[in-house]
Amino acid sequence: MKYNLKNPTLLFFHADWCGHCQRFMPIFDKFSKNINGGKLNIVKFDADKEKNYVKSFGIQGFPSILLYEPNTKRFIDYNGDRTITDLVKFVNENANINIIN
C-alpha cells in the first residue's frame, strides 16, 4: 500500500489477545472505511507481528492511536473515547483537515 507522506497519518496499534482491541476493532474499521482516504493515511500495527514498531513508538497499552502531523512533524496521542465521532473530531482538530466525505 502506498501512502502520501504529505498527508497526516493515523497509526493504530492493536493486539489480537486484547479484549479492548477486539471491541474497538469493528469501530475503527468502520471509521477507516468512511473517511476521505485522500487526506489521511491509516496504518495498523499488530503488536505480536510488528514488535519493533511497537517498541520504537514506546507503545505500552492497547489499543493505542497516534496521529502524525507532517506540517509540525509531531506525533499526537489519542486519548478520546473509542467512537467514530471522537476519532473524526481528533483528526480534524489536530491535523486541520476535514476527513469525512
PDB file of N, CA and C in Angstrom:
ATOM      1  N   MET A   1       0.842  -1.179   0.000  1.00  0.00           N
ATOM      2  CA  MET A   1       0.000   0.000   0.000  1.00  0.00           C
ATOM      3  C   MET A   1       0.888   1.243   0.000  1.00  0.00           C
ATOM      4  N   LYS A   2       0.535   2.214  -0.820  1.00  0.00           N
ATOM      5  CA  LYS A   2       1.296   3.449  -0.904  1.00  0.00           C
ATOM      6  C   LYS A   2       0.593   4.532  -0.093  1.00  0.00           C
ATOM      7  N   TYR A   3       1.396   5.377   0.509  1.00  0.00           N
ATOM      8  CA  TYR A   3       0.872   6.471   1.316  1.00  0.00           C
ATOM      9  C   TYR A   3       1.398   7.785   0.786  1.00  0.00           C
ATOM     10  N   ASN A   4       0.583   8.818   0.907  1.00  0.00           N
ATOM     11  CA  ASN A   4       1.019  10.160   0.588  1.00  0.00           C
ATOM     12  C   ASN A   4       1.665  10.717   1.847  1.00  0.00           C
ATOM     13  N   LEU A   5       2.978  10.832   1.843  1.00  0.00           N
ATOM     14  CA  LEU A   5       3.701  11.231   3.041  1.00  0.00           C
ATOM     15  C   LEU A   5       3.471  12.691   3.434  1.00  0.00           C
ATOM     16  N   LYS A   6       2.796  13.437   2.580  1.00  0.00           N
ATOM     17  CA  LYS A   6       2.462  14.822   2.924  1.00  0.00           C
ATOM     18  C   LYS A   6       1.163  14.888   3.722  1.00  0.00           C
ATOM     19  N   ASN A   7       0.427  13.783   3.760  1.00  0.00           N
ATOM     20  CA  ASN A   7      -0.834  13.729   4.499  1.00  0.00           C
ATOM     21  C   ASN A   7      -0.605  13.298   5.941  1.00  0.00           C
ATOM     22  N   PRO A   8      -1.478  13.719   6.856  1.00  0.00           N
ATOM     23  CA  PRO A   8      -1.428  13.196   8.223  1.00  0.00           C
ATOM     24  C   PRO A   8      -1.612  11.680   8.200  1.00  0.00           C
ATOM     25  N   THR A   9      -1.048  11.013   9.201  1.00  0.00           N
ATOM     26  CA  THR A   9      -1.124   9.557   9.270  1.00  0.00           C
ATOM     27  C   THR A   9      -1.589   9.136  10.656  1.00  0.00           C
ATOM     28  N   LEU A  10      -2.619   8.293  10.679  1.00  0.00           N
ATOM     29  CA  LEU A  10      -3.138   7.736  11.921  1.00  0.00           C
ATOM     30  C   LEU A  10      -2.541   6.346  12.088  1.00  0.00           C
ATOM     31  N   LEU A  11      -1.825   6.140  13.194  1.00  0.00           N
ATOM     32  CA  LEU A  11      -1.193   4.852  13.475  1.00  0.00           C
ATOM     33  C   LEU A  11      -1.997   4.153  14.562  1.00  0.00           C
ATOM     34  N   PHE A  12      -2.442   2.945  14.270  1.00  0.00           N
ATOM     35  CA  PHE A  12      -3.291   2.183  15.188  1.00  0.00           C
ATOM     36  C   PHE A  12      -2.538   0.932  15.622  1.00  0.00           C
ATOM     37  N   PHE A  13      -2.234   0.837  16.910  1.00  0.00           N
ATOM     38  CA  PHE A  13      -1.524  -0.301  17.474  1.00  0.00           C
ATOM     39  C   PHE A  13      -2.528  -1.172  18.232  1.00  0.00           C
ATOM     40  N   HIS A  14      -2.563  -2.453  17.876  1.00  0.00           N
ATOM     41  CA  HIS A  14      -3.534  -3.362  18.496  1.00  0.00           C
ATOM     42  C   HIS A  14      -2.914  -4.734  18.717  1.00  0.00           C
ATOM     43  N   ALA A  15      -3.584  -5.533  19.530  1.00  0.00           N
ATOM     44  CA  ALA A  15      -3.154  -6.910  19.782  1.00  0.00           C
ATOM     45  C   ALA A  15      -4.389  -7.808  19.741  1.00  0.00           C
ATOM     46  N   ASP A  16      -4.268  -8.946  19.063  1.00  0.00           N
ATOM     47  CA  ASP A  16      -5.405  -9.857  18.921  1.00  0.00           C
ATOM     48  C   ASP A  16      -5.919 -10.379  20.257  1.00  0.00           C
ATOM     49  N   TRP A  17      -5.061 -10.524  21.240  1.00  0.00           N
ATOM     50  CA  TRP A  17      -5.432 -11.063  22.546  1.00  0.00           C
ATOM     51  C   TRP A  17      -6.057 -10.019  23.473  1.00  0.00           C
ATOM     52  N   CYS A  18      -6.048  -8.768  23.064  1.00  0.00           N
ATOM     53  CA  CYS A  18      -6.548  -7.662  23.893  1.00  0.00           C
ATOM     54  C   CYS A  18      -8.064  -7.517  23.745  1.00  0.00           C
ATOM     55  N   GLY A  19      -8.783  -7.651  24.837  1.00  0.00           N
ATOM     56  CA  GLY A  19     -10.242  -7.511  24.812  1.00  0.00           C
ATOM     57  C   GLY A  19     -10.703  -6.133  24.376  1.00  0.00           C
ATOM     58  N   HIS A  20     -10.000  -5.085  24.825  1.00  0.00           N
ATOM     59  CA  HIS A  20     -10.352  -3.715  24.410  1.00  0.00           C
ATOM     60  C   HIS A  20     -10.188  -3.565  22.899  1.00  0.00           C
ATOM     61  N   CYS A  21      -9.116  -4.164  22.354  1.00  0.00           N
ATOM     62  CA  CYS A  21      -8.879  -4.108  20.907  1.00  0.00           C
ATOM     63  C   CYS A  21      -9.960  -4.860  20.146  1.00  0.00           C
ATOM     64  N   GLN A  22     -10.367  -6.006  20.654  1.00  0.00           N
ATOM     65  CA  GLN A  22     -11.399  -6.808  19.994  1.00  0.00           C
ATOM     66  C   GLN A  22     -12.713  -6.043  19.914  1.00  0.00           C
ATOM     67  N   ARG A  23     -13.039  -5.286  20.966  1.00  0.00           N
ATOM     68  CA  ARG A  23     -14.278  -4.493  20.947  1.00  0.00           C
ATOM     69  C   ARG A  23     -14.148  -3.251  20.070  1.00  0.00           C
ATOM     70  N   PHE A  24     -12.945  -2.678  20.017  1.00  0.00           N
ATOM     71  CA  PHE A  24     -12.743  -1.430  19.281  1.00  0.00           C
ATOM     72  C   PHE A  24     -12.486  -1.643  17.789  1.00  0.00           C
ATOM     73  N   MET A  25     -11.946  -2.788  17.400  1.00  0.00           N
ATOM     74  CA  MET A  25     -11.564  -3.030  16.002  1.00  0.00           C
ATOM     75  C   MET A  25     -12.718  -2.795  15.016  1.00  0.00           C
ATOM     76  N   PRO A  26     -13.930  -3.306  15.266  1.00  0.00           N
ATOM     77  CA  PRO A  26     -15.020  -3.042  14.305  1.00  0.00           C
ATOM     78  C   PRO A  26     -15.340  -1.549  14.166  1.00  0.00           C
ATOM     79  N   ILE A  27     -15.224  -0.811  15.254  1.00  0.00           N
ATOM     80  CA  ILE A  27     -15.474   0.629  15.214  1.00  0.00           C
ATOM     81  C   ILE A  27     -14.385   1.319  14.399  1.00  0.00           C
ATOM     82  N   PHE A  28     -13.139   0.938  14.649  1.00  0.00           N
ATOM     83  CA  PHE A  28     -12.027   1.542  13.916  1.00  0.00           C
ATOM     84  C   PHE A  28     -12.097   1.207  12.432  1.00  0.00           C
ATOM     85  N   ASP A  29     -12.461  -0.031  12.113  1.00  0.00           N
ATOM     86  CA  ASP A  29     -12.582  -0.425  10.706  1.00  0.00           C
ATOM     87  C   ASP A  29     -13.684   0.366  10.002  1.00  0.00           C
ATOM     88  N   LYS A  30     -14.791   0.581  10.687  1.00  0.00           N
ATOM     89  CA  LYS A  30     -15.893   1.376  10.108  1.00  0.00           C
ATOM     90  C   LYS A  30     -15.431   2.824   9.909  1.00  0.00           C
ATOM     91  N   PHE A  31     -14.732   3.366  10.883  1.00  0.00           N
ATOM     92  CA  PHE A  31     -14.161   4.705  10.764  1.00  0.00           C
ATOM     93  C   PHE A  31     -13.257   4.778   9.532  1.00  0.00           C
ATOM     94  N   SER A  32     -12.369   3.790   9.382  1.00  0.00           N
ATOM     95  CA  SER A  32     -11.405   3.764   8.281  1.00  0.00           C
ATOM     96  C   SER A  32     -12.081   3.745   6.920  1.00  0.00           C
ATOM     97  N   LYS A  33     -13.194   3.044   6.804  1.00  0.00           N
ATOM     98  CA  LYS A  33     -13.894   2.915   5.527  1.00  0.00           C
ATOM     99  C   LYS A  33     -14.688   4.168   5.166  1.00  0.00           C
ATOM    100  N   ASN A  34     -15.023   4.973   6.162  1.00  0.00           N
ATOM    101  CA  ASN A  34     -15.889   6.122   5.917  1.00  0.00           C
ATOM    102  C   ASN A  34     -15.164   7.459   5.825  1.00  0.00           C
ATOM    103  N   ILE A  35     -13.856   7.453   5.952  1.00  0.00           N
ATOM    104  CA  ILE A  35     -13.139   8.720   5.878  1.00  0.00           C
ATOM    105  C   ILE A  35     -12.660   8.963   4.449  1.00  0.00           C
ATOM    106  N   ASN A  36     -12.273  10.186   4.199  1.00  0.00           N
ATOM    107  CA  ASN A  36     -11.739  10.541   2.889  1.00  0.00           C
ATOM    108  C   ASN A  36     -10.277  10.113   2.848  1.00  0.00           C
ATOM    109  N   GLY A  37     -10.007   8.960   2.255  1.00  0.00           N
ATOM    110  CA  GLY A  37      -8.673   8.400   2.214  1.00  0.00           C
ATOM    111  C   GLY A  37      -7.644   9.249   1.496  1.00  0.00           C
ATOM    112  N   GLY A  38      -8.081  10.202   0.729  1.00  0.00           N
ATOM    113  CA  GLY A  38      -7.142  11.072   0.041  1.00  0.00           C
ATOM    114  C   GLY A  38      -6.492  12.095   0.949  1.00  0.00           C
ATOM    115  N   LYS A  39      -7.017  12.249   2.158  1.00  0.00           N
ATOM    116  CA  LYS A  39      -6.494  13.254   3.080  1.00  0.00           C
ATOM    117  C   LYS A  39      -5.794  12.664   4.293  1.00  0.00           C
ATOM    118  N   LEU A  40      -6.007  11.381   4.572  1.00  0.00           N
ATOM    119  CA  LEU A  40      -5.469  10.767   5.780  1.00  0.00           C
ATOM    120  C   LEU A  40      -4.964   9.355   5.476  1.00  0.00           C
ATOM    121  N   ASN A  41      -3.738   9.076   5.885  1.00  0.00           N
ATOM    122  CA  ASN A  41      -3.221   7.715   5.814  1.00  0.00           C
ATOM    123  C   ASN A  41      -3.592   6.994   7.106  1.00  0.00           C
ATOM    124  N   ILE A  42      -3.897   5.710   7.007  1.00  0.00           N
ATOM    125  CA  ILE A  42      -4.158   4.894   8.185  1.00  0.00           C
ATOM    126  C   ILE A  42      -3.266   3.666   8.116  1.00  0.00           C
ATOM    127  N   VAL A  43      -2.523   3.447   9.198  1.00  0.00           N
ATOM    128  CA  VAL A  43      -1.619   2.301   9.269  1.00  0.00           C
ATOM    129  C   VAL A  43      -1.921   1.531  10.548  1.00  0.00           C
ATOM    130  N   LYS A  44      -2.147   0.221  10.406  1.00  0.00           N
ATOM    131  CA  LYS A  44      -2.410  -0.635  11.556  1.00  0.00           C
ATOM    132  C   LYS A  44      -1.161  -1.461  11.868  1.00  0.00           C
ATOM    133  N   PHE A  45      -0.869  -1.593  13.143  1.00  0.00           N
ATOM    134  CA  PHE A  45       0.256  -2.401  13.592  1.00  0.00           C
ATOM    135  C   PHE A  45      -0.254  -3.477  14.546  1.00  0.00           C
ATOM    136  N   ASP A  46      -0.048  -4.723  14.184  1.00  0.00           N
ATOM    137  CA  ASP A  46      -0.369  -5.852  15.053  1.00  0.00           C
ATOM    138  C   ASP A  46       0.797  -6.015  16.021  1.00  0.00           C
ATOM    139  N   ALA A  47       0.551  -5.866  17.298  1.00  0.00           N
ATOM    140  CA  ALA A  47       1.610  -5.869  18.307  1.00  0.00           C
ATOM    141  C   ALA A  47       2.436  -7.146  18.313  1.00  0.00           C
ATOM    142  N   ASP A  48       1.820  -8.274  18.012  1.00  0.00           N
ATOM    143  CA  ASP A  48       2.553  -9.535  18.028  1.00  0.00           C
ATOM    144  C   ASP A  48       3.396  -9.745  16.780  1.00  0.00           C
ATOM    145  N   LYS A  49       2.974  -9.180  15.671  1.00  0.00           N
ATOM    146  CA  LYS A  49       3.691  -9.365  14.413  1.00  0.00           C
ATOM    147  C   LYS A  49       4.693  -8.255  14.133  1.00  0.00           C
ATOM    148  N   GLU A  50       4.469  -7.101  14.722  1.00  0.00           N
ATOM    149  CA  GLU A  50       5.311  -5.940  14.429  1.00  0.00           C
ATOM    150  C   GLU A  50       5.849  -5.325  15.720  1.00  0.00           C
ATOM    151  N   LYS A  51       6.520  -6.164  16.489  1.00  0.00           N
ATOM    152  CA  LYS A  51       7.030  -5.771  17.803  1.00  0.00           C
ATOM    153  C   LYS A  51       8.028  -4.625  17.727  1.00  0.00           C
ATOM    154  N   ASN A  52       8.800  -4.566  16.658  1.00  0.00           N
ATOM    155  CA  ASN A  52       9.790  -3.493  16.531  1.00  0.00           C
ATOM    156  C   ASN A  52       9.130  -2.118  16.462  1.00  0.00           C
ATOM    157  N   TYR A  53       8.012  -2.034  15.733  1.00  0.00           N
ATOM    158  CA  TYR A  53       7.296  -0.753  15.654  1.00  0.00           C
ATOM    159  C   TYR A  53       6.695  -0.381  17.002  1.00  0.00           C
ATOM    160  N   VAL A  54       6.115  -1.363  17.663  1.00  0.00           N
ATOM    161  CA  VAL A  54       5.523  -1.111  18.979  1.00  0.00           C
ATOM    162  C   VAL A  54       6.597  -0.571  19.924  1.00  0.00           C
ATOM    163  N   LYS A  55       7.747  -1.200  19.912  1.00  0.00           N
ATOM    164  CA  LYS A  55       8.849  -0.780  20.783  1.00  0.00           C
ATOM    165  C   LYS A  55       9.375   0.604  20.390  1.00  0.00           C
ATOM    166  N   SER A  56       9.554   0.832  19.086  1.00  0.00           N
ATOM    167  CA  SER A  56      10.129   2.107  18.642  1.00  0.00           C
ATOM    168  C   SER A  56       9.227   3.297  18.949  1.00  0.00           C
ATOM    169  N   PHE A  57       7.924   3.074  19.000  1.00  0.00           N
ATOM    170  CA  PHE A  57       6.994   4.157  19.336  1.00  0.00           C
ATOM    171  C   PHE A  57       6.698   4.214  20.833  1.00  0.00           C
ATOM    172  N   GLY A  58       7.273   3.296  21.603  1.00  0.00           N
ATOM    173  CA  GLY A  58       7.077   3.309  23.054  1.00  0.00           C
ATOM    174  C   GLY A  58       5.667   2.953  23.488  1.00  0.00           C
ATOM    175  N   ILE A  59       4.981   2.149  22.691  1.00  0.00           N
ATOM    176  CA  ILE A  59       3.602   1.765  22.999  1.00  0.00           C
ATOM    177  C   ILE A  59       3.604   0.784  24.166  1.00  0.00           C
ATOM    178  N   GLN A  60       2.794   1.068  25.176  1.00  0.00           N
ATOM    179  CA  GLN A  60       2.754   0.209  26.354  1.00  0.00           C
ATOM    180  C   GLN A  60       1.377  -0.363  26.632  1.00  0.00           C
ATOM    181  N   GLY A  61       0.349   0.127  25.986  1.00  0.00           N
ATOM    182  CA  GLY A  61      -1.005  -0.368  26.190  1.00  0.00           C
ATOM    183  C   GLY A  61      -1.743  -0.430  24.872  1.00  0.00           C
ATOM    184  N   PHE A  62      -2.759  -1.252  24.844  1.00  0.00           N
ATOM    185  CA  PHE A  62      -3.527  -1.455  23.610  1.00  0.00           C
ATOM    186  C   PHE A  62      -5.009  -1.281  23.876  1.00  0.00           C
ATOM    187  N   PRO A  63      -5.736  -0.770  22.905  1.00  0.00           N
ATOM    188  CA  PRO A  63      -5.267  -0.181  21.658  1.00  0.00           C
ATOM    189  C   PRO A  63      -4.637   1.190  21.918  1.00  0.00           C
ATOM    190  N   SER A  64      -3.718   1.563  21.056  1.00  0.00           N
ATOM    191  CA  SER A  64      -3.098   2.888  21.096  1.00  0.00           C
ATOM    192  C   SER A  64      -3.177   3.507  19.711  1.00  0.00           C
ATOM    193  N   ILE A  65      -3.451   4.789  19.694  1.00  0.00           N
ATOM    194  CA  ILE A  65      -3.556   5.515  18.434  1.00  0.00           C
ATOM    195  C   ILE A  65      -2.692   6.765  18.522  1.00  0.00           C
ATOM    196  N   LEU A  66      -1.904   6.974  17.479  1.00  0.00           N
ATOM    197  CA  LEU A  66      -1.094   8.178  17.350  1.00  0.00           C
ATOM    198  C   LEU A  66      -1.436   8.840  16.021  1.00  0.00           C
ATOM    199  N   LEU A  67      -1.415  10.148  16.007  1.00  0.00           N
ATOM    200  CA  LEU A  67      -1.593  10.902  14.768  1.00  0.00           C
ATOM    201  C   LEU A  67      -0.281  11.595  14.460  1.00  0.00           C
ATOM    202  N   TYR A  68       0.257  11.314  13.269  1.00  0.00           N
ATOM    203  CA  TYR A  68       1.447  12.030  12.811  1.00  0.00           C
ATOM    204  C   TYR A  68       0.984  13.215  11.982  1.00  0.00           C
ATOM    205  N   GLU A  69       1.408  14.400  12.380  1.00  0.00           N
ATOM    206  CA  GLU A  69       1.033  15.621  11.680  1.00  0.00           C
ATOM    207  C   GLU A  69       2.275  16.104  10.930  1.00  0.00           C
ATOM    208  N   PRO A  70       2.297  15.969   9.588  1.00  0.00           N
ATOM    209  CA  PRO A  70       3.522  16.239   8.825  1.00  0.00           C
ATOM    210  C   PRO A  70       3.978  17.693   8.818  1.00  0.00           C
ATOM    211  N   ASN A  71       3.062  18.631   8.979  1.00  0.00           N
ATOM    212  CA  ASN A  71       3.473  20.043   8.963  1.00  0.00           C
ATOM    213  C   ASN A  71       4.321  20.391  10.179  1.00  0.00           C
ATOM    214  N   THR A  72       3.961  19.822  11.338  1.00  0.00           N
ATOM    215  CA  THR A  72       4.723  20.099  12.569  1.00  0.00           C
ATOM    216  C   THR A  72       5.701  18.976  12.895  1.00  0.00           C
ATOM    217  N   LYS A  73       5.582  17.869  12.153  1.00  0.00           N
ATOM    218  CA  LYS A  73       6.427  16.684  12.352  1.00  0.00           C
ATOM    219  C   LYS A  73       6.336  16.154  13.782  1.00  0.00           C
ATOM    220  N   ARG A  74       5.116  16.135  14.315  1.00  0.00           N
ATOM    221  CA  ARG A  74       4.930  15.628  15.673  1.00  0.00           C
ATOM    222  C   ARG A  74       3.902  14.514  15.703  1.00  0.00           C
ATOM    223  N   PHE A  75       4.007  13.687  16.728  1.00  0.00           N
ATOM    224  CA  PHE A  75       3.051  12.613  16.972  1.00  0.00           C
ATOM    225  C   PHE A  75       2.169  13.028  18.139  1.00  0.00           C
ATOM    226  N   ILE A  76       0.867  12.849  17.968  1.00  0.00           N
ATOM    227  CA  ILE A  76      -0.088  13.254  18.985  1.00  0.00           C
ATOM    228  C   ILE A  76      -0.826  12.010  19.463  1.00  0.00           C
ATOM    229  N   ASP A  77      -0.836  11.786  20.781  1.00  0.00           N
ATOM    230  CA  ASP A  77      -1.545  10.644  21.372  1.00  0.00           C
ATOM    231  C   ASP A  77      -3.044  10.889  21.363  1.00  0.00           C
ATOM    232  N   TYR A  78      -3.781   9.852  21.014  1.00  0.00           N
ATOM    233  CA  TYR A  78      -5.245   9.917  21.078  1.00  0.00           C
ATOM    234  C   TYR A  78      -5.685   9.406  22.440  1.00  0.00           C
ATOM    235  N   ASN A  79      -6.449  10.216  23.150  1.00  0.00           N
ATOM    236  CA  ASN A  79      -6.936   9.845  24.475  1.00  0.00           C
ATOM    237  C   ASN A  79      -8.452   9.954  24.595  1.00  0.00           C
ATOM    238  N   GLY A  80      -9.135  10.085  23.462  1.00  0.00           N
ATOM    239  CA  GLY A  80     -10.579  10.254  23.484  1.00  0.00           C
ATOM    240  C   GLY A  80     -11.321   8.939  23.624  1.00  0.00           C
ATOM    241  N   ASP A  81     -12.637   9.053  23.559  1.00  0.00           N
ATOM    242  CA  ASP A  81     -13.488   7.865  23.593  1.00  0.00           C
ATOM    243  C   ASP A  81     -13.269   7.044  22.332  1.00  0.00           C
ATOM    244  N   ARG A  82     -13.583   5.781  22.419  1.00  0.00           N
ATOM    245  CA  ARG A  82     -13.405   4.877  21.275  1.00  0.00           C
ATOM    246  C   ARG A  82     -14.668   4.874  20.426  1.00  0.00           C
ATOM    247  N   THR A  83     -14.925   6.055  19.826  1.00  0.00           N
ATOM    248  CA  THR A  83     -16.087   6.223  18.954  1.00  0.00           C
ATOM    249  C   THR A  83     -15.636   6.859  17.648  1.00  0.00           C
ATOM    250  N   ILE A  84     -16.423   6.645  16.613  1.00  0.00           N
ATOM    251  CA  ILE A  84     -16.121   7.259  15.322  1.00  0.00           C
ATOM    252  C   ILE A  84     -16.152   8.781  15.440  1.00  0.00           C
ATOM    253  N   THR A  85     -17.148   9.292  16.133  1.00  0.00           N
ATOM    254  CA  THR A  85     -17.297  10.734  16.289  1.00  0.00           C
ATOM    255  C   THR A  85     -16.063  11.359  16.925  1.00  0.00           C
ATOM    256  N   ASP A  86     -15.560  10.746  17.990  1.00  0.00           N
ATOM    257  CA  ASP A  86     -14.383  11.297  18.657  1.00  0.00           C
ATOM    258  C   ASP A  86     -13.116  11.147  17.822  1.00  0.00           C
ATOM    259  N   LEU A  87     -12.995  10.048  17.083  1.00  0.00           N
ATOM    260  CA  LEU A  87     -11.843   9.881  16.192  1.00  0.00           C
ATOM    261  C   LEU A  87     -11.829  10.955  15.114  1.00  0.00           C
ATOM    262  N   VAL A  88     -12.980  11.196  14.499  1.00  0.00           N
ATOM    263  CA  VAL A  88     -13.090  12.227  13.454  1.00  0.00           C
ATOM    264  C   VAL A  88     -12.735  13.595  14.032  1.00  0.00           C
ATOM    265  N   LYS A  89     -13.288  13.911  15.187  1.00  0.00           N
ATOM    266  CA  LYS A  89     -13.025  15.205  15.829  1.00  0.00           C
ATOM    267  C   LYS A  89     -11.528  15.356  16.131  1.00  0.00           C
ATOM    268  N   PHE A  90     -10.906  14.311  16.660  1.00  0.00           N
ATOM    269  CA  PHE A  90      -9.481  14.328  16.985  1.00  0.00           C
ATOM    270  C   PHE A  90      -8.634  14.618  15.741  1.00  0.00           C
ATOM    271  N   VAL A  91      -8.898  13.897  14.661  1.00  0.00           N
ATOM    272  CA  VAL A  91      -8.113  14.090  13.437  1.00  0.00           C
ATOM    273  C   VAL A  91      -8.363  15.475  12.850  1.00  0.00           C
ATOM    274  N   ASN A  92      -9.635  15.859  12.744  1.00  0.00           N
ATOM    275  CA  ASN A  92      -9.952  17.163  12.159  1.00  0.00           C
ATOM    276  C   ASN A  92      -9.296  18.307  12.925  1.00  0.00           C
ATOM    277  N   GLU A  93      -9.333  18.237  14.252  1.00  0.00           N
ATOM    278  CA  GLU A  93      -8.789  19.324  15.067  1.00  0.00           C
ATOM    279  C   GLU A  93      -7.256  19.347  15.063  1.00  0.00           C
ATOM    280  N   ASN A  94      -6.644  18.191  15.116  1.00  0.00           N
ATOM    281  CA  ASN A  94      -5.185  18.128  15.236  1.00  0.00           C
ATOM    282  C   ASN A  94      -4.443  18.173  13.912  1.00  0.00           C
ATOM    283  N   ALA A  95      -5.111  17.784  12.848  1.00  0.00           N
ATOM    284  CA  ALA A  95      -4.472  17.818  11.532  1.00  0.00           C
ATOM    285  C   ALA A  95      -5.027  18.938  10.669  1.00  0.00           C
ATOM    286  N   ASN A  96      -6.025  19.639  11.200  1.00  0.00           N
ATOM    287  CA  ASN A  96      -6.636  20.764  10.499  1.00  0.00           C
ATOM    288  C   ASN A  96      -7.156  20.371   9.116  1.00  0.00           C
ATOM    289  N   ILE A  97      -7.862  19.238   9.051  1.00  0.00           N
ATOM    290  CA  ILE A  97      -8.471  18.767   7.806  1.00  0.00           C
ATOM    291  C   ILE A  97      -9.883  18.279   8.099  1.00  0.00           C
ATOM    292  N   ASN A  98     -10.660  18.115   7.059  1.00  0.00           N
ATOM    293  CA  ASN A  98     -11.994  17.534   7.182  1.00  0.00           C
ATOM    294  C   ASN A  98     -11.938  16.164   6.501  1.00  0.00           C
ATOM    295  N   ILE A  99     -11.976  15.095   7.300  1.00  0.00           N
ATOM    296  CA  ILE A  99     -11.770  13.761   6.745  1.00  0.00           C
ATOM    297  C   ILE A  99     -13.030  13.038   6.303  1.00  0.00           C
ATOM    298  N   ILE A 100     -14.185  13.615   6.570  1.00  0.00           N
ATOM    299  CA  ILE A 100     -15.442  12.985   6.149  1.00  0.00           C
ATOM    300  C   ILE A 100     -15.798  13.497   4.762  1.00  0.00           C
ATOM    301  N   ASN A 101     -16.150  12.568   3.873  1.00  0.00           N
ATOM    302  CA  ASN A 101     -16.541  12.951   2.510  1.00  0.00           C
ATOM    303  C   ASN A 101     -17.797  13.798   2.523  1.00  0.00           C
TER     304      ASN A 101
END
